Amino acid sequence: MQSRMLSWFWYSNLHIVAVASALLLGTHALAGQKLSAWYLLLACSGVLLIYHVDRAFLRSNEDVRNAPERLQWYETHRAYLFGSSAIAIVCGIVAALQLPLPILAYGAVIGALGGLYSVPQRAGGRRLKDIPLVKNLLILTCWVGGVVVIPLYGDISPKLLGLLATYRVLYLIPNLLVADWVDAPGDVAKGEATQKRKAIQKGITVYLRLAVPLVGLITLMLISAGISWHLVLIDVMGLIGLVWILVRHAEWTPKHVVMMDFCIGISMVTWLFWILLG
């Protein structure tokens, strides 16, 4: 029973929806803005669909080497995949009908980028996600755009919007680096795994050198911008946890990626504390 529940947690992509919800709610709490329930529904529906497409419907050759258990789970849970996708589509349409046109237009751009991420674009089936720098820029653009820029643009000052966007970029980079590390063995057949991991390790080293001063600086800037120091310190605990995972380990596994998802989920606590403060 425990193993079955863990499998649902690992492979259903529902925990990614929880991460998106936490980031949206926590970011709005920091900004002192109420999040539209319709936008939350649209964003969560889009996230689930994009991750289903990427991991289940457009599976790649490296997934056979990196995540055979996940592929097997998808084969035995096709009813869930199609059912949850259908529900997400319906919920997304209903939510879209309740939102202003500009938000829908910008959201459509984010959704298109998320879809293009996995779809073969070039001869030989090469996808945008196969180009390391482009892959990570796309992921950061989609997440930061969907979590910070689109829902908060026009409601807060450009300065605060930029601060929050930068803060969330710092929040997301560790997860991207570790996920790339975990996926690197999928390139063994092309003889690129060792080279790829060396490049990722350099990226982690650079991030760690910059993280402490940048986190300290942006924390002070957020507080000086008028955000409650209680909320900032609660939320930054998640970022500290992400940095700790990078520092504490020399190699990483899929479990570390999920641990990082939990760290990002601390933003939900930020929102709950904001609600309690009234």
C-alpha atoms as a PDB file:
ATOM      1  CA  MET A   1       0.000   0.000   0.000  1.00  0.00           C
ATOM      2  CA  GLN A   2       2.810   2.396   0.942  1.00  0.00           C
ATOM      3  CA  SER A   3       4.690   1.558  -2.256  1.00  0.00           C
ATOM      4  CA  ARG A   4       1.566   2.222  -4.326  1.00  0.00           C
ATOM      5  CA  MET A   5       1.012   5.593  -2.655  1.00  0.00           C
ATOM      6  CA  LEU A   6       4.655   6.558  -3.201  1.00  0.00           C
ATOM      7  CA  SER A   7       4.360   5.621  -6.872  1.00  0.00           C
ATOM      8  CA  TRP A   8       1.391   7.946  -7.236  1.00  0.00           C
ATOM      9  CA  PHE A   9       3.399  10.684  -5.573  1.00  0.00           C
ATOM     10  CA  TRP A  10       6.482  10.129  -7.769  1.00  0.00           C
ATOM     11  CA  TYR A  11       4.805   9.723 -11.126  1.00  0.00           C
ATOM     12  CA  SER A  12       1.325  11.277 -11.210  1.00  0.00           C
ATOM     13  CA  ASN A  13       2.666  14.851 -11.667  1.00  0.00           C
ATOM     14  CA  LEU A  14       0.167  15.979  -9.034  1.00  0.00           C
ATOM     15  CA  HIS A  15       2.958  17.114  -6.735  1.00  0.00           C
ATOM     16  CA  ILE A  16       4.115  19.463  -9.527  1.00  0.00           C
ATOM     17  CA  VAL A  17       0.641  21.011  -9.424  1.00  0.00           C
ATOM     18  CA  ALA A  18       1.094  21.436  -5.655  1.00  0.00           C
ATOM     19  CA  VAL A  19       4.468  23.129  -6.249  1.00  0.00           C
ATOM     20  CA  ALA A  20       2.888  25.525  -8.767  1.00  0.00           C
ATOM     21  CA  SER A  21       0.102  26.338  -6.314  1.00  0.00           C
ATOM     22  CA  ALA A  22       2.602  26.978  -3.522  1.00  0.00           C
ATOM     23  CA  LEU A  23       4.712  29.294  -5.675  1.00  0.00           C
ATOM     24  CA  LEU A  24       1.683  31.241  -6.888  1.00  0.00           C
ATOM     25  CA  LEU A  25       0.141  31.638  -3.439  1.00  0.00           C
ATOM     26  CA  GLY A  26       3.447  32.379  -1.715  1.00  0.00           C
ATOM     27  CA  THR A  27       4.449  34.958  -4.304  1.00  0.00           C
ATOM     28  CA  HIS A  28       1.108  36.720  -4.038  1.00  0.00           C
ATOM     29  CA  ALA A  29       1.425  36.709  -0.254  1.00  0.00           C
ATOM     30  CA  LEU A  30       4.810  38.412  -0.535  1.00  0.00           C
ATOM     31  CA  ALA A  31       3.314  40.946  -2.938  1.00  0.00           C
ATOM     32  CA  GLY A  32       0.342  41.514  -0.629  1.00  0.00           C
ATOM     33  CA  GLN A  33      -2.092  40.638  -3.418  1.00  0.00           C
ATOM     34  CA  LYS A  34      -5.023  38.246  -3.492  1.00  0.00           C
ATOM     35  CA  LEU A  35      -4.663  35.522  -6.111  1.00  0.00           C
ATOM     36  CA  SER A  36      -7.567  34.958  -8.484  1.00  0.00           C
ATOM     37  CA  ALA A  37      -8.986  31.487  -7.943  1.00  0.00           C
ATOM     38  CA  TRP A  38      -9.663  31.283 -11.683  1.00  0.00           C
ATOM     39  CA  TYR A  39      -6.036  32.052 -12.503  1.00  0.00           C
ATOM     40  CA  LEU A  40      -4.894  29.430  -9.975  1.00  0.00           C
ATOM     41  CA  LEU A  41      -7.165  26.869 -11.621  1.00  0.00           C
ATOM     42  CA  LEU A  42      -5.933  27.792 -15.115  1.00  0.00           C
ATOM     43  CA  ALA A  43      -2.275  27.638 -14.079  1.00  0.00           C
ATOM     44  CA  CYS A  44      -2.610  24.285 -12.312  1.00  0.00           C
ATOM     45  CA  SER A  45      -4.512  22.798 -15.243  1.00  0.00           C
ATOM     46  CA  GLY A  46      -1.827  24.010 -17.651  1.00  0.00           C
ATOM     47  CA  VAL A  47       1.013  22.679 -15.504  1.00  0.00           C
ATOM     48  CA  LEU A  48      -0.558  19.227 -15.273  1.00  0.00           C
ATOM     49  CA  LEU A  49      -1.148  19.069 -19.027  1.00  0.00           C
ATOM     50  CA  ILE A  50       2.373  20.217 -19.899  1.00  0.00           C
ATOM     51  CA  TYR A  51       3.998  17.689 -17.571  1.00  0.00           C
ATOM     52  CA  HIS A  52       1.731  14.900 -18.812  1.00  0.00           C
ATOM     53  CA  VAL A  53       2.694  15.721 -22.404  1.00  0.00           C
ATOM     54  CA  ASP A  54       6.403  15.922 -21.607  1.00  0.00           C
ATOM     55  CA  ARG A  55       6.689  12.832 -19.424  1.00  0.00           C
ATOM     56  CA  ALA A  56       3.957  10.503 -20.647  1.00  0.00           C
ATOM     57  CA  PHE A  57       2.583  11.354 -24.079  1.00  0.00           C
ATOM     58  CA  LEU A  58       5.835  12.493 -25.755  1.00  0.00           C
ATOM     59  CA  ARG A  59       8.283  10.283 -23.917  1.00  0.00           C
ATOM     60  CA  SER A  60      11.879  10.438 -25.105  1.00  0.00           C
ATOM     61  CA  ASN A  61      14.590   7.822 -25.619  1.00  0.00           C
ATOM     62  CA  GLU A  62      16.535   8.974 -22.561  1.00  0.00           C
ATOM     63  CA  ASP A  63      13.471   8.274 -20.400  1.00  0.00           C
ATOM     64  CA  VAL A  64      13.904   4.587 -21.194  1.00  0.00           C
ATOM     65  CA  ARG A  65      17.318   4.717 -19.525  1.00  0.00           C
ATOM     66  CA  ASN A  66      16.613   7.316 -16.857  1.00  0.00           C
ATOM     67  CA  ALA A  67      13.090   6.497 -15.716  1.00  0.00           C
ATOM     68  CA  PRO A  68      11.946   2.994 -16.765  1.00  0.00           C
ATOM     69  CA  GLU A  69       9.802   2.658 -13.617  1.00  0.00           C
ATOM     70  CA  ARG A  70       7.985   5.873 -14.467  1.00  0.00           C
ATOM     71  CA  LEU A  71       7.278   4.707 -18.012  1.00  0.00           C
ATOM     72  CA  GLN A  72       5.968   1.396 -16.685  1.00  0.00           C
ATOM     73  CA  TRP A  73       3.704   3.268 -14.276  1.00  0.00           C
ATOM     74  CA  TYR A  74       2.323   5.329 -17.130  1.00  0.00           C
ATOM     75  CA  GLU A  75       1.611   2.190 -19.129  1.00  0.00           C
ATOM     76  CA  THR A  76      -0.478   0.759 -16.275  1.00  0.00           C
ATOM     77  CA  HIS A  77      -2.227   4.054 -15.464  1.00  0.00           C
ATOM     78  CA  ARG A  78      -3.302   5.260 -18.886  1.00  0.00           C
ATOM     79  CA  ALA A  79      -6.877   5.772 -17.643  1.00  0.00           C
ATOM     80  CA  TYR A  80      -5.572   8.224 -15.057  1.00  0.00           C
ATOM     81  CA  LEU A  81      -3.437  10.047 -17.638  1.00  0.00           C
ATOM     82  CA  PHE A  82      -6.284  10.505 -20.120  1.00  0.00           C
ATOM     83  CA  GLY A  83      -8.876  11.172 -17.427  1.00  0.00           C
ATOM     84  CA  SER A  84      -6.829  13.774 -15.570  1.00  0.00           C
ATOM     85  CA  SER A  85      -5.853  15.398 -18.874  1.00  0.00           C
ATOM     86  CA  ALA A  86      -9.508  15.673 -19.883  1.00  0.00           C
ATOM     87  CA  ILE A  87     -10.409  17.186 -16.503  1.00  0.00           C
ATOM     88  CA  ALA A  88      -7.511  19.643 -16.794  1.00  0.00           C
ATOM     89  CA  ILE A  89      -8.661  20.713 -20.264  1.00  0.00           C
ATOM     90  CA  VAL A  90     -12.235  21.291 -19.072  1.00  0.00           C
ATOM     91  CA  CYS A  91     -11.062  23.172 -15.952  1.00  0.00           C
ATOM     92  CA  GLY A  92      -8.682  25.244 -18.060  1.00  0.00           C
ATOM     93  CA  ILE A  93     -11.439  26.245 -20.487  1.00  0.00           C
ATOM     94  CA  VAL A  94     -13.845  27.139 -17.681  1.00  0.00           C
ATOM     95  CA  ALA A  95     -11.170  29.217 -15.915  1.00  0.00           C
ATOM     96  CA  ALA A  96     -10.123  30.925 -19.147  1.00  0.00           C
ATOM     97  CA  LEU A  97     -13.680  32.145 -19.733  1.00  0.00           C
ATOM     98  CA  GLN A  98     -13.544  34.002 -16.405  1.00  0.00           C
ATOM     99  CA  LEU A  99     -10.239  35.814 -16.929  1.00  0.00           C
ATOM    100  CA  PRO A 100      -9.384  39.083 -18.732  1.00  0.00           C
ATOM    101  CA  LEU A 101      -8.230  38.797 -22.335  1.00  0.00           C
ATOM    102  CA  PRO A 102      -4.683  40.175 -21.727  1.00  0.00           C
ATOM    103  CA  ILE A 103      -4.007  37.507 -19.102  1.00  0.00           C
ATOM    104  CA  LEU A 104      -5.279  34.832 -21.486  1.00  0.00           C
ATOM    105  CA  ALA A 105      -3.038  36.130 -24.265  1.00  0.00           C
ATOM    106  CA  TYR A 106       0.089  36.102 -22.113  1.00  0.00           C
ATOM    107  CA  GLY A 107      -0.926  32.775 -20.615  1.00  0.00           C
ATOM    108  CA  ALA A 108      -1.292  31.336 -24.112  1.00  0.00           C
ATOM    109  CA  VAL A 109       2.294  32.367 -24.865  1.00  0.00           C
ATOM    110  CA  ILE A 110       3.522  30.591 -21.730  1.00  0.00           C
ATOM    111  CA  GLY A 111       1.457  27.529 -22.601  1.00  0.00           C
ATOM    112  CA  ALA A 112       2.821  27.492 -26.159  1.00  0.00           C
ATOM    113  CA  LEU A 113       6.401  27.687 -24.877  1.00  0.00           C
ATOM    114  CA  GLY A 114       5.678  24.843 -22.486  1.00  0.00           C
ATOM    115  CA  GLY A 115       4.273  22.738 -25.320  1.00  0.00           C
ATOM    116  CA  LEU A 116       7.130  23.521 -27.727  1.00  0.00           C
ATOM    117  CA  TYR A 117       9.561  22.429 -25.026  1.00  0.00           C
ATOM    118  CA  SER A 118       8.854  18.743 -25.708  1.00  0.00           C
ATOM    119  CA  VAL A 119       7.663  18.687 -29.317  1.00  0.00           C
ATOM    120  CA  PRO A 120      10.310  17.794 -31.935  1.00  0.00           C
ATOM    121  CA  GLN A 121      11.213  20.980 -33.812  1.00  0.00           C
ATOM    122  CA  ARG A 122      14.161  20.006 -35.939  1.00  0.00           C
ATOM    123  CA  ALA A 123      15.224  17.247 -38.311  1.00  0.00           C
ATOM    124  CA  GLY A 124      16.014  14.011 -36.543  1.00  0.00           C
ATOM    125  CA  GLY A 125      13.448  14.663 -33.828  1.00  0.00           C
ATOM    126  CA  ARG A 126      15.616  17.160 -31.943  1.00  0.00           C
ATOM    127  CA  ARG A 127      13.586  19.131 -29.402  1.00  0.00           C
ATOM    128  CA  LEU A 128      14.165  22.448 -27.665  1.00  0.00           C
ATOM    129  CA  LYS A 129      14.640  20.545 -24.400  1.00  0.00           C
ATOM    130  CA  ASP A 130      17.638  18.798 -25.992  1.00  0.00           C
ATOM    131  CA  ILE A 131      19.545  22.119 -26.079  1.00  0.00           C
ATOM    132  CA  PRO A 132      20.715  22.632 -22.455  1.00  0.00           C
ATOM    133  CA  LEU A 133      20.763  26.440 -22.269  1.00  0.00           C
ATOM    134  CA  VAL A 134      17.552  26.825 -24.270  1.00  0.00           C
ATOM    135  CA  LYS A 135      15.876  24.154 -22.135  1.00  0.00           C
ATOM    136  CA  ASN A 136      16.622  25.888 -18.842  1.00  0.00           C
ATOM    137  CA  LEU A 137      15.748  29.336 -20.167  1.00  0.00           C
ATOM    138  CA  LEU A 138      12.396  28.000 -21.370  1.00  0.00           C
ATOM    139  CA  ILE A 139      11.654  26.411 -18.017  1.00  0.00           C
ATOM    140  CA  LEU A 140      12.577  29.564 -16.090  1.00  0.00           C
ATOM    141  CA  THR A 141      10.565  31.742 -18.482  1.00  0.00           C
ATOM    142  CA  CYS A 142       7.463  29.582 -18.159  1.00  0.00           C
ATOM    143  CA  TRP A 143       7.606  29.252 -14.379  1.00  0.00           C
ATOM    144  CA  VAL A 144       8.583  32.830 -13.513  1.00  0.00           C
ATOM    145  CA  GLY A 145       6.284  34.258 -16.176  1.00  0.00           C
ATOM    146  CA  GLY A 146       3.338  32.166 -15.031  1.00  0.00           C
ATOM    147  CA  VAL A 147       3.939  32.548 -11.301  1.00  0.00           C
ATOM    148  CA  VAL A 148       5.092  36.164 -11.023  1.00  0.00           C
ATOM    149  CA  VAL A 149       4.888  38.321 -14.129  1.00  0.00           C
ATOM    150  CA  ILE A 150       1.501  37.506 -15.688  1.00  0.00           C
ATOM    151  CA  PRO A 151      -0.664  37.483 -12.541  1.00  0.00           C
ATOM    152  CA  LEU A 152       1.036  40.461 -10.828  1.00  0.00           C
ATOM    153  CA  TYR A 153       1.856  42.767 -13.732  1.00  0.00           C
ATOM    154  CA  GLY A 154       0.082  46.087 -13.233  1.00  0.00           C
ATOM    155  CA  ASP A 155      -0.908  45.300  -9.643  1.00  0.00           C
ATOM    156  CA  ILE A 156       2.474  46.067  -8.046  1.00  0.00           C
ATOM    157  CA  SER A 157       5.341  48.403  -8.868  1.00  0.00           C
ATOM    158  CA  PRO A 158       7.783  47.391 -11.625  1.00  0.00           C
ATOM    159  CA  LYS A 159      10.580  47.412  -9.042  1.00  0.00           C
ATOM    160  CA  LEU A 160       8.823  44.927  -6.758  1.00  0.00           C
ATOM    161  CA  LEU A 161       7.811  42.811  -9.765  1.00  0.00           C
ATOM    162  CA  GLY A 162      11.447  42.618 -10.841  1.00  0.00           C
ATOM    163  CA  LEU A 163      12.592  41.747  -7.320  1.00  0.00           C
ATOM    164  CA  LEU A 164      10.064  38.946  -6.985  1.00  0.00           C
ATOM    165  CA  ALA A 165      10.905  37.586 -10.445  1.00  0.00           C
ATOM    166  CA  THR A 166      14.626  37.570  -9.627  1.00  0.00           C
ATOM    167  CA  TYR A 167      13.931  35.930  -6.272  1.00  0.00           C
ATOM    168  CA  ARG A 168      11.927  33.142  -7.914  1.00  0.00           C
ATOM    169  CA  VAL A 169      14.674  32.586 -10.492  1.00  0.00           C
ATOM    170  CA  LEU A 170      17.096  31.982  -7.601  1.00  0.00           C
ATOM    171  CA  TYR A 171      14.488  29.636  -6.111  1.00  0.00           C
ATOM    172  CA  LEU A 172      14.146  27.533  -9.263  1.00  0.00           C
ATOM    173  CA  ILE A 173      17.758  27.231 -10.479  1.00  0.00           C
ATOM    174  CA  PRO A 174      18.868  24.571  -7.922  1.00  0.00           C
ATOM    175  CA  ASN A 175      16.008  22.304  -8.962  1.00  0.00           C
ATOM    176  CA  LEU A 176      16.931  22.705 -12.644  1.00  0.00           C
ATOM    177  CA  LEU A 177      20.595  21.896 -12.002  1.00  0.00           C
ATOM    178  CA  VAL A 178      19.883  18.779  -9.950  1.00  0.00           C
ATOM    179  CA  ALA A 179      17.231  17.561 -12.402  1.00  0.00           C
ATOM    180  CA  ASP A 180      19.784  17.917 -15.225  1.00  0.00           C
ATOM    181  CA  TRP A 181      22.318  15.980 -13.151  1.00  0.00           C
ATOM    182  CA  VAL A 182      19.844  13.144 -12.620  1.00  0.00           C
ATOM    183  CA  ASP A 183      18.959  13.047 -16.332  1.00  0.00           C
ATOM    184  CA  ALA A 184      22.591  13.039 -17.513  1.00  0.00           C
ATOM    185  CA  PRO A 185      22.917   9.204 -17.709  1.00  0.00           C
ATOM    186  CA  GLY A 186      20.359   9.304 -20.509  1.00  0.00           C
ATOM    187  CA  ASP A 187      23.163  10.695 -22.670  1.00  0.00           C
ATOM    188  CA  VAL A 188      25.473   7.742 -22.048  1.00  0.00           C
ATOM    189  CA  ALA A 189      24.667   6.289 -25.466  1.00  0.00           C
ATOM    190  CA  LYS A 190      25.964   9.483 -27.041  1.00  0.00           C
ATOM    191  CA  GLY A 191      29.052   9.512 -24.836  1.00  0.00           C
ATOM    192  CA  GLU A 192      28.107  12.837 -23.302  1.00  0.00           C
ATOM    193  CA  ALA A 193      27.147  11.945 -19.738  1.00  0.00           C
ATOM    194  CA  THR A 194      30.504  12.710 -18.099  1.00  0.00           C
ATOM    195  CA  GLN A 195      30.943  15.952 -20.007  1.00  0.00           C
ATOM    196  CA  LYS A 196      27.395  17.031 -19.194  1.00  0.00           C
ATOM    197  CA  ARG A 197      27.801  16.348 -15.485  1.00  0.00           C
ATOM    198  CA  LYS A 198      31.051  18.320 -15.385  1.00  0.00           C
ATOM    199  CA  ALA A 199      29.264  21.283 -16.929  1.00  0.00           C
ATOM    200  CA  ILE A 200      26.411  20.957 -14.429  1.00  0.00           C
ATOM    201  CA  GLN A 201      28.894  20.773 -11.549  1.00  0.00           C
ATOM    202  CA  LYS A 202      30.474  24.021 -12.743  1.00  0.00           C
ATOM    203  CA  GLY A 203      27.028  25.591 -12.832  1.00  0.00           C
ATOM    204  CA  ILE A 204      26.346  24.425  -9.274  1.00  0.00           C
ATOM    205  CA  THR A 205      29.690  25.835  -8.102  1.00  0.00           C
ATOM    206  CA  VAL A 206      28.966  29.224  -9.674  1.00  0.00           C
ATOM    207  CA  TYR A 207      25.458  29.265  -8.205  1.00  0.00           C
ATOM    208  CA  LEU A 208      26.701  28.460  -4.701  1.00  0.00           C
ATOM    209  CA  ARG A 209      29.336  31.186  -4.875  1.00  0.00           C
ATOM    210  CA  LEU A 210      26.720  33.755  -5.831  1.00  0.00           C
ATOM    211  CA  ALA A 211      23.760  32.395  -3.852  1.00  0.00           C
ATOM    212  CA  VAL A 212      24.684  33.541  -0.334  1.00  0.00           C
ATOM    213  CA  PRO A 213      25.367  37.220  -1.166  1.00  0.00           C
ATOM    214  CA  LEU A 214      22.477  37.360  -3.644  1.00  0.00           C
ATOM    215  CA  VAL A 215      20.001  35.766  -1.241  1.00  0.00           C
ATOM    216  CA  GLY A 216      21.087  38.128   1.523  1.00  0.00           C
ATOM    217  CA  LEU A 217      20.847  41.145  -0.781  1.00  0.00           C
ATOM    218  CA  ILE A 218      17.469  40.304  -2.270  1.00  0.00           C
ATOM    219  CA  THR A 219      16.078  39.451   1.185  1.00  0.00           C
ATOM    220  CA  LEU A 220      17.027  42.915   2.418  1.00  0.00           C
ATOM    221  CA  MET A 221      15.643  44.501  -0.754  1.00  0.00           C
ATOM    222  CA  LEU A 222      12.308  42.696  -0.384  1.00  0.00           C
ATOM    223  CA  ILE A 223      12.000  43.839   3.231  1.00  0.00           C
ATOM    224  CA  SER A 224      13.003  47.392   2.293  1.00  0.00           C
ATOM    225  CA  ALA A 225      10.322  47.316  -0.414  1.00  0.00           C
ATOM    226  CA  GLY A 226       7.714  47.038   2.326  1.00  0.00           C
ATOM    227  CA  ILE A 227       7.182  43.268   2.543  1.00  0.00           C
ATOM    228  CA  SER A 228       6.736  41.942   6.082  1.00  0.00           C
ATOM    229  CA  TRP A 229      10.043  40.552   7.328  1.00  0.00           C
ATOM    230  CA  HIS A 230       8.126  37.635   8.847  1.00  0.00           C
ATOM    231  CA  LEU A 231       6.896  36.562   5.408  1.00  0.00           C
ATOM    232  CA  VAL A 232      10.281  37.050   3.761  1.00  0.00           C
ATOM    233  CA  LEU A 233      12.117  34.993   6.397  1.00  0.00           C
ATOM    234  CA  ILE A 234       9.557  32.179   6.206  1.00  0.00           C
ATOM    235  CA  ASP A 235       9.740  32.041   2.431  1.00  0.00           C
ATOM    236  CA  VAL A 236      13.526  32.245   2.266  1.00  0.00           C
ATOM    237  CA  MET A 237      13.710  29.061   4.400  1.00  0.00           C
ATOM    238  CA  GLY A 238      12.781  27.142   1.266  1.00  0.00           C
ATOM    239  CA  LEU A 239      15.647  28.719  -0.656  1.00  0.00           C
ATOM    240  CA  ILE A 240      18.048  27.929   2.185  1.00  0.00           C
ATOM    241  CA  GLY A 241      16.865  24.313   2.044  1.00  0.00           C
ATOM    242  CA  LEU A 242      17.557  24.188  -1.708  1.00  0.00           C
ATOM    243  CA  VAL A 243      21.074  25.556  -1.201  1.00  0.00           C
ATOM    244  CA  TRP A 244      21.662  23.091   1.646  1.00  0.00           C
ATOM    245  CA  ILE A 245      20.819  20.135  -0.631  1.00  0.00           C
ATOM    246  CA  LEU A 246      23.381  21.389  -3.160  1.00  0.00           C
ATOM    247  CA  VAL A 247      26.051  21.850  -0.484  1.00  0.00           C
ATOM    248  CA  ARG A 248      25.335  18.674   1.465  1.00  0.00           C
ATOM    249  CA  HIS A 249      25.616  16.232  -1.433  1.00  0.00           C
ATOM    250  CA  ALA A 250      28.180  15.596  -4.157  1.00  0.00           C
ATOM    251  CA  GLU A 251      25.790  13.468  -6.221  1.00  0.00           C
ATOM    252  CA  TRP A 252      22.030  13.569  -6.508  1.00  0.00           C
ATOM    253  CA  THR A 253      19.121  11.219  -7.247  1.00  0.00           C
ATOM    254  CA  PRO A 254      15.450  11.678  -8.202  1.00  0.00           C
ATOM    255  CA  LYS A 255      14.638  11.735  -4.478  1.00  0.00           C
ATOM    256  CA  HIS A 256      16.720  14.878  -4.099  1.00  0.00           C
ATOM    257  CA  VAL A 257      14.654  16.500  -6.851  1.00  0.00           C
ATOM    258  CA  VAL A 258      11.492  15.720  -4.880  1.00  0.00           C
ATOM    259  CA  MET A 259      13.139  17.015  -1.689  1.00  0.00           C
ATOM    260  CA  MET A 260      13.731  20.245  -3.559  1.00  0.00           C
ATOM    261  CA  ASP A 261      10.080  20.315  -4.594  1.00  0.00           C
ATOM    262  CA  PHE A 262       9.193  20.128  -0.897  1.00  0.00           C
ATOM    263  CA  CYS A 263      11.542  23.060  -0.202  1.00  0.00           C
ATOM    264  CA  ILE A 264       9.794  25.101  -2.890  1.00  0.00           C
ATOM    265  CA  GLY A 265       6.498  24.087  -1.296  1.00  0.00           C
ATOM    266  CA  ILE A 266       7.443  26.099   1.806  1.00  0.00           C
ATOM    267  CA  SER A 267       5.985  29.048  -0.082  1.00  0.00           C
ATOM    268  CA  MET A 268       2.596  27.617   0.835  1.00  0.00           C
ATOM    269  CA  VAL A 269       3.486  28.273   4.489  1.00  0.00           C
ATOM    270  CA  THR A 270       4.231  31.878   3.520  1.00  0.00           C
ATOM    271  CA  TRP A 271       0.713  32.219   2.147  1.00  0.00           C
ATOM    272  CA  LEU A 272      -0.886  30.544   5.190  1.00  0.00           C
ATOM    273  CA  PHE A 273       1.002  32.884   7.523  1.00  0.00           C
ATOM    274  CA  TRP A 274      -0.118  35.859   5.397  1.00  0.00           C
ATOM    275  CA  ILE A 275      -3.734  34.701   5.760  1.00  0.00           C
ATOM    276  CA  LEU A 276      -3.306  34.409   9.522  1.00  0.00           C
ATOM    277  CA  LEU A 277      -1.848  37.910   9.713  1.00  0.00           C
ATOM    278  CA  GLY A 278      -4.955  39.171   7.927  1.00  0.00           C
END
